[in-house]
Each structure stands twice: as structure tokens, then as C-alpha cells.
Amino acid sequence: MKTTVDISDNLLEEAKKLAAREGTTVRALIEQGLRQIITARKRPGVFRLRKATFKGQGLQPGVSTATWDQIRDLAYEGRGG
């Protein structure tokens, strides 16, 4: 498809020089650049875990000295795990 794009003179000159050095066309450079931008912007953003804290007094008595296995057992207690 043909289209018209307004590009600054300096940028177009740089693109022509680069295309000549690489043995390609300005059109190919523009298409390559657009593909890179589109691909980069399609990527999902960085996942950020929201702060989810609870007001309380810390761990229940006896849990502060428990092992991770004991804590896991307590977490799944009564849930068939």
C-alpha cells in the first residue's frame, strides 16, 4: 500500500545513507522500524504485585517458631491437602 509520510530532511538523509551502506531501501528500514515498535508495544507490561498487607499482631502463638512444612500443614488443615 502506498502512503505519504512527512519525515524531517535530516532523518531522511540519515536513512538514505544507512540504506545505501546496508544495500537496502529506505522503505525496508521504515518497515523494519515499525515492526520493532509494534512488537515492543504489544508485549505485556511488567507485572507489579499490589501491596496487600493486613493489620494485625503478627503470627499466631506457636507459629512464629514453626517450620515451613508445619505452616503449610496448618494452611491446608481441613482442606484435604
PDB file of N, CA and C in Angstrom:
ATOM      1  N   MET A   1       0.853  -1.170   0.000  1.00  0.00           N
ATOM      2  CA  MET A   1       0.000   0.000   0.000  1.00  0.00           C
ATOM      3  C   MET A   1       0.895   1.229   0.000  1.00  0.00           C
ATOM      4  N   LYS A   2       0.501   2.191  -0.758  1.00  0.00           N
ATOM      5  CA  LYS A   2       1.270   3.436  -0.800  1.00  0.00           C
ATOM      6  C   LYS A   2       0.667   4.424   0.181  1.00  0.00           C
ATOM      7  N   THR A   3       1.560   5.182   0.802  1.00  0.00           N
ATOM      8  CA  THR A   3       1.125   6.226   1.720  1.00  0.00           C
ATOM      9  C   THR A   3       2.166   7.338   1.707  1.00  0.00           C
ATOM     10  N   THR A   4       1.804   8.468   2.229  1.00  0.00           N
ATOM     11  CA  THR A   4       2.732   9.587   2.313  1.00  0.00           C
ATOM     12  C   THR A   4       3.030   9.856   3.780  1.00  0.00           C
ATOM     13  N   VAL A   5       4.308   9.980   4.073  1.00  0.00           N
ATOM     14  CA  VAL A   5       4.739  10.251   5.447  1.00  0.00           C
ATOM     15  C   VAL A   5       5.660  11.458   5.410  1.00  0.00           C
ATOM     16  N   ASP A   6       5.442  12.385   6.305  1.00  0.00           N
ATOM     17  CA  ASP A   6       6.276  13.576   6.388  1.00  0.00           C
ATOM     18  C   ASP A   6       7.429  13.288   7.354  1.00  0.00           C
ATOM     19  N   ILE A   7       8.649  13.246   6.820  1.00  0.00           N
ATOM     20  CA  ILE A   7       9.842  12.941   7.614  1.00  0.00           C
ATOM     21  C   ILE A   7      10.791  14.130   7.508  1.00  0.00           C
ATOM     22  N   SER A   8      11.449  14.455   8.604  1.00  0.00           N
ATOM     23  CA  SER A   8      12.388  15.583   8.571  1.00  0.00           C
ATOM     24  C   SER A   8      13.507  15.297   7.570  1.00  0.00           C
ATOM     25  N   ASP A   9      14.019  16.350   6.975  1.00  0.00           N
ATOM     26  CA  ASP A   9      15.074  16.220   5.966  1.00  0.00           C
ATOM     27  C   ASP A   9      16.300  15.491   6.524  1.00  0.00           C
ATOM     28  N   ASN A  10      16.702  15.863   7.735  1.00  0.00           N
ATOM     29  CA  ASN A  10      17.882  15.239   8.342  1.00  0.00           C
ATOM     30  C   ASN A  10      17.692  13.744   8.547  1.00  0.00           C
ATOM     31  N   LEU A  11      16.523  13.360   9.040  1.00  0.00           N
ATOM     32  CA  LEU A  11      16.252  11.947   9.287  1.00  0.00           C
ATOM     33  C   LEU A  11      16.224  11.158   7.980  1.00  0.00           C
ATOM     34  N   LEU A  12      15.619  11.720   6.955  1.00  0.00           N
ATOM     35  CA  LEU A  12      15.560  11.052   5.665  1.00  0.00           C
ATOM     36  C   LEU A  12      16.959  10.892   5.067  1.00  0.00           C
ATOM     37  N   GLU A  13      17.796  11.894   5.185  1.00  0.00           N
ATOM     38  CA  GLU A  13      19.174  11.795   4.680  1.00  0.00           C
ATOM     39  C   GLU A  13      19.936  10.686   5.402  1.00  0.00           C
ATOM     40  N   GLU A  14      19.796  10.623   6.725  1.00  0.00           N
ATOM     41  CA  GLU A  14      20.446   9.565   7.502  1.00  0.00           C
ATOM     42  C   GLU A  14      19.938   8.199   7.065  1.00  0.00           C
ATOM     43  N   ALA A  15      18.637   8.090   6.852  1.00  0.00           N
ATOM     44  CA  ALA A  15      18.045   6.819   6.422  1.00  0.00           C
ATOM     45  C   ALA A  15      18.570   6.411   5.043  1.00  0.00           C
ATOM     46  N   LYS A  16      18.694   7.348   4.139  1.00  0.00           N
ATOM     47  CA  LYS A  16      19.222   7.053   2.798  1.00  0.00           C
ATOM     48  C   LYS A  16      20.662   6.566   2.877  1.00  0.00           C
ATOM     49  N   LYS A  17      21.482   7.232   3.708  1.00  0.00           N
ATOM     50  CA  LYS A  17      22.882   6.817   3.866  1.00  0.00           C
ATOM     51  C   LYS A  17      22.973   5.411   4.454  1.00  0.00           C
ATOM     52  N   LEU A  18      22.167   5.150   5.466  1.00  0.00           N
ATOM     53  CA  LEU A  18      22.160   3.833   6.096  1.00  0.00           C
ATOM     54  C   LEU A  18      21.703   2.764   5.105  1.00  0.00           C
ATOM     55  N   ALA A  19      20.656   3.050   4.369  1.00  0.00           N
ATOM     56  CA  ALA A  19      20.141   2.106   3.379  1.00  0.00           C
ATOM     57  C   ALA A  19      21.208   1.797   2.329  1.00  0.00           C
ATOM     58  N   ALA A  20      21.926   2.817   1.875  1.00  0.00           N
ATOM     59  CA  ALA A  20      22.977   2.608   0.872  1.00  0.00           C
ATOM     60  C   ALA A  20      24.104   1.741   1.437  1.00  0.00           C
ATOM     61  N   ARG A  21      24.513   2.033   2.690  1.00  0.00           N
ATOM     62  CA  ARG A  21      25.581   1.244   3.322  1.00  0.00           C
ATOM     63  C   ARG A  21      25.181  -0.213   3.482  1.00  0.00           C
ATOM     64  N   GLU A  22      23.911  -0.455   3.807  1.00  0.00           N
ATOM     65  CA  GLU A  22      23.449  -1.810   4.068  1.00  0.00           C
ATOM     66  C   GLU A  22      22.869  -2.496   2.833  1.00  0.00           C
ATOM     67  N   GLY A  23      22.853  -1.793   1.726  1.00  0.00           N
ATOM     68  CA  GLY A  23      22.350  -2.392   0.495  1.00  0.00           C
ATOM     69  C   GLY A  23      20.859  -2.701   0.553  1.00  0.00           C
ATOM     70  N   THR A  24      20.110  -1.814   1.143  1.00  0.00           N
ATOM     71  CA  THR A  24      18.667  -1.987   1.267  1.00  0.00           C
ATOM     72  C   THR A  24      17.976  -0.694   0.850  1.00  0.00           C
ATOM     73  N   THR A  25      16.701  -0.604   1.142  1.00  0.00           N
ATOM     74  CA  THR A  25      15.948   0.600   0.763  1.00  0.00           C
ATOM     75  C   THR A  25      15.452   1.323   2.006  1.00  0.00           C
ATOM     76  N   VAL A  26      15.106   2.590   1.824  1.00  0.00           N
ATOM     77  CA  VAL A  26      14.519   3.360   2.923  1.00  0.00           C
ATOM     78  C   VAL A  26      13.199   2.714   3.329  1.00  0.00           C
ATOM     79  N   ARG A  27      12.442   2.244   2.344  1.00  0.00           N
ATOM     80  CA  ARG A  27      11.182   1.562   2.640  1.00  0.00           C
ATOM     81  C   ARG A  27      11.404   0.377   3.580  1.00  0.00           C
ATOM     82  N   ALA A  28      12.428  -0.428   3.301  1.00  0.00           N
ATOM     83  CA  ALA A  28      12.716  -1.588   4.153  1.00  0.00           C
ATOM     84  C   ALA A  28      13.092  -1.148   5.570  1.00  0.00           C
ATOM     85  N   LEU A  29      13.858  -0.067   5.681  1.00  0.00           N
ATOM     86  CA  LEU A  29      14.223   0.438   7.012  1.00  0.00           C
ATOM     87  C   LEU A  29      12.989   0.909   7.780  1.00  0.00           C
ATOM     88  N   ILE A  30      12.110   1.618   7.097  1.00  0.00           N
ATOM     89  CA  ILE A  30      10.890   2.113   7.748  1.00  0.00           C
ATOM     90  C   ILE A  30      10.030   0.943   8.208  1.00  0.00           C
ATOM     91  N   GLU A  31       9.863  -0.072   7.336  1.00  0.00           N
ATOM     92  CA  GLU A  31       9.064  -1.235   7.707  1.00  0.00           C
ATOM     93  C   GLU A  31       9.676  -1.971   8.897  1.00  0.00           C
ATOM     94  N   GLN A  32      10.995  -2.118   8.880  1.00  0.00           N
ATOM     95  CA  GLN A  32      11.683  -2.790   9.985  1.00  0.00           C
ATOM     96  C   GLN A  32      11.471  -2.020  11.295  1.00  0.00           C
ATOM     97  N   GLY A  33      11.615  -0.707  11.234  1.00  0.00           N
ATOM     98  CA  GLY A  33      11.419   0.111  12.432  1.00  0.00           C
ATOM     99  C   GLY A  33       9.997   0.028  12.958  1.00  0.00           C
ATOM    100  N   LEU A  34       9.016   0.086  12.071  1.00  0.00           N
ATOM    101  CA  LEU A  34       7.624  -0.013  12.502  1.00  0.00           C
ATOM    102  C   LEU A  34       7.332  -1.375  13.119  1.00  0.00           C
ATOM    103  N   ARG A  35       7.878  -2.440  12.512  1.00  0.00           N
ATOM    104  CA  ARG A  35       7.666  -3.784  13.079  1.00  0.00           C
ATOM    105  C   ARG A  35       8.237  -3.882  14.495  1.00  0.00           C
ATOM    106  N   GLN A  36       9.427  -3.319  14.690  1.00  0.00           N
ATOM    107  CA  GLN A  36      10.049  -3.366  16.022  1.00  0.00           C
ATOM    108  C   GLN A  36       9.215  -2.615  17.051  1.00  0.00           C
ATOM    109  N   ILE A  37       8.724  -1.458  16.692  1.00  0.00           N
ATOM    110  CA  ILE A  37       7.916  -0.658  17.618  1.00  0.00           C
ATOM    111  C   ILE A  37       6.603  -1.367  17.940  1.00  0.00           C
ATOM    112  N   ILE A  38       5.952  -1.908  16.933  1.00  0.00           N
ATOM    113  CA  ILE A  38       4.678  -2.601  17.146  1.00  0.00           C
ATOM    114  C   ILE A  38       4.880  -3.825  18.027  1.00  0.00           C
ATOM    115  N   THR A  39       5.938  -4.595  17.770  1.00  0.00           N
ATOM    116  CA  THR A  39       6.227  -5.779  18.587  1.00  0.00           C
ATOM    117  C   THR A  39       6.511  -5.392  20.030  1.00  0.00           C
ATOM    118  N   ALA A  40       7.309  -4.351  20.226  1.00  0.00           N
ATOM    119  CA  ALA A  40       7.669  -3.925  21.579  1.00  0.00           C
ATOM    120  C   ALA A  40       6.446  -3.451  22.353  1.00  0.00           C
ATOM    121  N   ARG A  41       5.538  -2.801  21.693  1.00  0.00           N
ATOM    122  CA  ARG A  41       4.368  -2.258  22.394  1.00  0.00           C
ATOM    123  C   ARG A  41       3.276  -3.290  22.594  1.00  0.00           C
ATOM    124  N   LYS A  42       3.353  -4.415  21.906  1.00  0.00           N
ATOM    125  CA  LYS A  42       2.385  -5.496  22.111  1.00  0.00           C
ATOM    126  C   LYS A  42       2.719  -6.307  23.349  1.00  0.00           C
ATOM    127  N   ARG A  43       3.973  -6.259  23.766  1.00  0.00           N
ATOM    128  CA  ARG A  43       4.392  -7.030  24.941  1.00  0.00           C
ATOM    129  C   ARG A  43       3.664  -6.514  26.166  1.00  0.00           C
ATOM    130  N   PRO A  44       3.236  -7.446  27.005  1.00  0.00           N
ATOM    131  CA  PRO A  44       2.563  -7.003  28.226  1.00  0.00           C
ATOM    132  C   PRO A  44       3.532  -6.245  29.137  1.00  0.00           C
ATOM    133  N   GLY A  45       2.992  -5.331  29.904  1.00  0.00           N
ATOM    134  CA  GLY A  45       3.818  -4.558  30.823  1.00  0.00           C
ATOM    135  C   GLY A  45       4.362  -5.426  31.945  1.00  0.00           C
ATOM    136  N   VAL A  46       5.242  -4.875  32.701  1.00  0.00           N
ATOM    137  CA  VAL A  46       5.839  -5.573  33.826  1.00  0.00           C
ATOM    138  C   VAL A  46       4.778  -5.792  34.902  1.00  0.00           C
ATOM    139  N   PHE A  47       4.695  -7.016  35.393  1.00  0.00           N
ATOM    140  CA  PHE A  47       3.736  -7.333  36.440  1.00  0.00           C
ATOM    141  C   PHE A  47       4.204  -6.744  37.763  1.00  0.00           C
ATOM    142  N   ARG A  48       3.321  -6.045  38.416  1.00  0.00           N
ATOM    143  CA  ARG A  48       3.624  -5.490  39.738  1.00  0.00           C
ATOM    144  C   ARG A  48       2.569  -5.979  40.718  1.00  0.00           C
ATOM    145  N   LEU A  49       3.040  -6.664  41.741  1.00  0.00           N
ATOM    146  CA  LEU A  49       2.148  -7.174  42.771  1.00  0.00           C
ATOM    147  C   LEU A  49       1.720  -6.012  43.660  1.00  0.00           C
ATOM    148  N   ARG A  50       0.421  -5.865  43.821  1.00  0.00           N
ATOM    149  CA  ARG A  50      -0.056  -4.774  44.653  1.00  0.00           C
ATOM    150  C   ARG A  50       0.240  -5.069  46.118  1.00  0.00           C
ATOM    151  N   LYS A  51       0.382  -4.041  46.900  1.00  0.00           N
ATOM    152  CA  LYS A  51       0.645  -4.200  48.321  1.00  0.00           C
ATOM    153  C   LYS A  51      -0.630  -4.686  48.985  1.00  0.00           C
ATOM    154  N   ALA A  52      -0.567  -5.846  49.622  1.00  0.00           N
ATOM    155  CA  ALA A  52      -1.737  -6.431  50.269  1.00  0.00           C
ATOM    156  C   ALA A  52      -1.345  -6.856  51.681  1.00  0.00           C
ATOM    157  N   THR A  53      -1.320  -5.915  52.574  1.00  0.00           N
ATOM    158  CA  THR A  53      -0.963  -6.214  53.953  1.00  0.00           C
ATOM    159  C   THR A  53      -2.210  -6.165  54.821  1.00  0.00           C
ATOM    160  N   PHE A  54      -2.109  -6.765  55.971  1.00  0.00           N
ATOM    161  CA  PHE A  54      -3.231  -6.833  56.899  1.00  0.00           C
ATOM    162  C   PHE A  54      -2.810  -6.262  58.235  1.00  0.00           C
ATOM    163  N   LYS A  55      -3.729  -5.568  58.853  1.00  0.00           N
ATOM    164  CA  LYS A  55      -3.452  -5.041  60.186  1.00  0.00           C
ATOM    165  C   LYS A  55      -3.647  -6.181  61.171  1.00  0.00           C
ATOM    166  N   GLY A  56      -2.691  -6.360  62.024  1.00  0.00           N
ATOM    167  CA  GLY A  56      -2.802  -7.437  62.992  1.00  0.00           C
ATOM    168  C   GLY A  56      -1.609  -7.452  63.918  1.00  0.00           C
ATOM    169  N   GLN A  57      -1.511  -8.506  64.652  1.00  0.00           N
ATOM    170  CA  GLN A  57      -0.452  -8.636  65.649  1.00  0.00           C
ATOM    171  C   GLN A  57       0.607  -9.651  65.238  1.00  0.00           C
ATOM    172  N   GLY A  58       0.685  -9.983  63.974  1.00  0.00           N
ATOM    173  CA  GLY A  58       1.690 -10.936  63.521  1.00  0.00           C
ATOM    174  C   GLY A  58       1.152 -12.358  63.548  1.00  0.00           C
ATOM    175  N   LEU A  59       2.054 -13.299  63.632  1.00  0.00           N
ATOM    176  CA  LEU A  59       1.679 -14.712  63.597  1.00  0.00           C
ATOM    177  C   LEU A  59       0.992 -15.146  64.883  1.00  0.00           C
ATOM    178  N   GLN A  60       0.188 -16.182  64.747  1.00  0.00           N
ATOM    179  CA  GLN A  60      -0.478 -16.745  65.920  1.00  0.00           C
ATOM    180  C   GLN A  60       0.568 -17.365  66.844  1.00  0.00           C
ATOM    181  N   PRO A  61       0.253 -17.454  68.119  1.00  0.00           N
ATOM    182  CA  PRO A  61       1.204 -18.068  69.056  1.00  0.00           C
ATOM    183  C   PRO A  61       1.567 -19.483  68.598  1.00  0.00           C
ATOM    184  N   GLY A  62       2.832 -19.813  68.654  1.00  0.00           N
ATOM    185  CA  GLY A  62       3.297 -21.131  68.266  1.00  0.00           C
ATOM    186  C   GLY A  62       3.692 -21.237  66.804  1.00  0.00           C
ATOM    187  N   VAL A  63       3.229 -20.322  65.972  1.00  0.00           N
ATOM    188  CA  VAL A  63       3.551 -20.387  64.546  1.00  0.00           C
ATOM    189  C   VAL A  63       4.868 -19.674  64.254  1.00  0.00           C
ATOM    190  N   SER A  64       5.226 -18.715  65.048  1.00  0.00           N
ATOM    191  CA  SER A  64       6.447 -17.946  64.787  1.00  0.00           C
ATOM    192  C   SER A  64       7.696 -18.822  64.837  1.00  0.00           C
ATOM    193  N   THR A  65       7.644 -19.941  65.514  1.00  0.00           N
ATOM    194  CA  THR A  65       8.796 -20.841  65.585  1.00  0.00           C
ATOM    195  C   THR A  65       8.602 -22.087  64.730  1.00  0.00           C
ATOM    196  N   ALA A  66       7.503 -22.168  63.995  1.00  0.00           N
ATOM    197  CA  ALA A  66       7.209 -23.353  63.185  1.00  0.00           C
ATOM    198  C   ALA A  66       8.059 -23.384  61.923  1.00  0.00           C
ATOM    199  N   THR A  67       8.239 -24.577  61.378  1.00  0.00           N
ATOM    200  CA  THR A  67       8.948 -24.740  60.109  1.00  0.00           C
ATOM    201  C   THR A  67       7.970 -24.445  58.969  1.00  0.00           C
ATOM    202  N   TRP A  68       8.502 -24.297  57.755  1.00  0.00           N
ATOM    203  CA  TRP A  68       7.630 -24.054  56.601  1.00  0.00           C
ATOM    204  C   TRP A  68       6.694 -25.237  56.371  1.00  0.00           C
ATOM    205  N   ASP A  69       7.168 -26.443  56.613  1.00  0.00           N
ATOM    206  CA  ASP A  69       6.302 -27.621  56.452  1.00  0.00           C
ATOM    207  C   ASP A  69       5.129 -27.572  57.433  1.00  0.00           C
ATOM    208  N   GLN A  70       5.402 -27.168  58.662  1.00  0.00           N
ATOM    209  CA  GLN A  70       4.336 -27.055  59.657  1.00  0.00           C
ATOM    210  C   GLN A  70       3.348 -25.949  59.294  1.00  0.00           C
ATOM    211  N   ILE A  71       3.857 -24.827  58.810  1.00  0.00           N
ATOM    212  CA  ILE A  71       2.983 -23.719  58.402  1.00  0.00           C
ATOM    213  C   ILE A  71       2.111 -24.154  57.221  1.00  0.00           C
ATOM    214  N   ARG A  72       2.700 -24.851  56.254  1.00  0.00           N
ATOM    215  CA  ARG A  72       1.931 -25.344  55.110  1.00  0.00           C
ATOM    216  C   ARG A  72       0.844 -26.316  55.565  1.00  0.00           C
ATOM    217  N   ASP A  73       1.192 -27.206  56.483  1.00  0.00           N
ATOM    218  CA  ASP A  73       0.192 -28.149  57.004  1.00  0.00           C
ATOM    219  C   ASP A  73      -0.957 -27.408  57.673  1.00  0.00           C
ATOM    220  N   LEU A  74      -0.649 -26.355  58.422  1.00  0.00           N
ATOM    221  CA  LEU A  74      -1.697 -25.558  59.067  1.00  0.00           C
ATOM    222  C   LEU A  74      -2.568 -24.843  58.028  1.00  0.00           C
ATOM    223  N   ALA A  75      -1.938 -24.351  56.974  1.00  0.00           N
ATOM    224  CA  ALA A  75      -2.679 -23.639  55.940  1.00  0.00           C
ATOM    225  C   ALA A  75      -3.667 -24.545  55.218  1.00  0.00           C
ATOM    226  N   TYR A  76      -3.301 -25.824  55.046  1.00  0.00           N
ATOM    227  CA  TYR A  76      -4.168 -26.752  54.327  1.00  0.00           C
ATOM    228  C   TYR A  76      -4.991 -27.640  55.254  1.00  0.00           C
ATOM    229  N   GLU A  77      -4.890 -27.410  56.517  1.00  0.00           N
ATOM    230  CA  GLU A  77      -5.622 -28.216  57.500  1.00  0.00           C
ATOM    231  C   GLU A  77      -7.123 -28.140  57.244  1.00  0.00           C
ATOM    232  N   GLY A  78      -7.761 -29.299  57.140  1.00  0.00           N
ATOM    233  CA  GLY A  78      -9.204 -29.346  56.898  1.00  0.00           C
ATOM    234  C   GLY A  78      -9.603 -29.117  55.451  1.00  0.00           C
ATOM    235  N   ARG A  79      -8.639 -29.054  54.550  1.00  0.00           N
ATOM    236  CA  ARG A  79      -8.934 -28.807  53.130  1.00  0.00           C
ATOM    237  C   ARG A  79      -8.567 -30.005  52.242  1.00  0.00           C
ATOM    238  N   GLY A  80      -8.298 -31.130  52.857  1.00  0.00           N
ATOM    239  CA  GLY A  80      -7.998 -32.333  52.090  1.00  0.00           C
ATOM    240  C   GLY A  80      -6.608 -32.356  51.496  1.00  0.00           C
ATOM    241  N   GLY A  81      -5.708 -31.476  51.939  1.00  0.00           N
ATOM    242  CA  GLY A  81      -4.381 -31.386  51.362  1.00  0.00           C
ATOM    243  C   GLY A  81      -3.323 -32.099  52.087  1.00  0.00           C
TER     244      GLY A  81
END
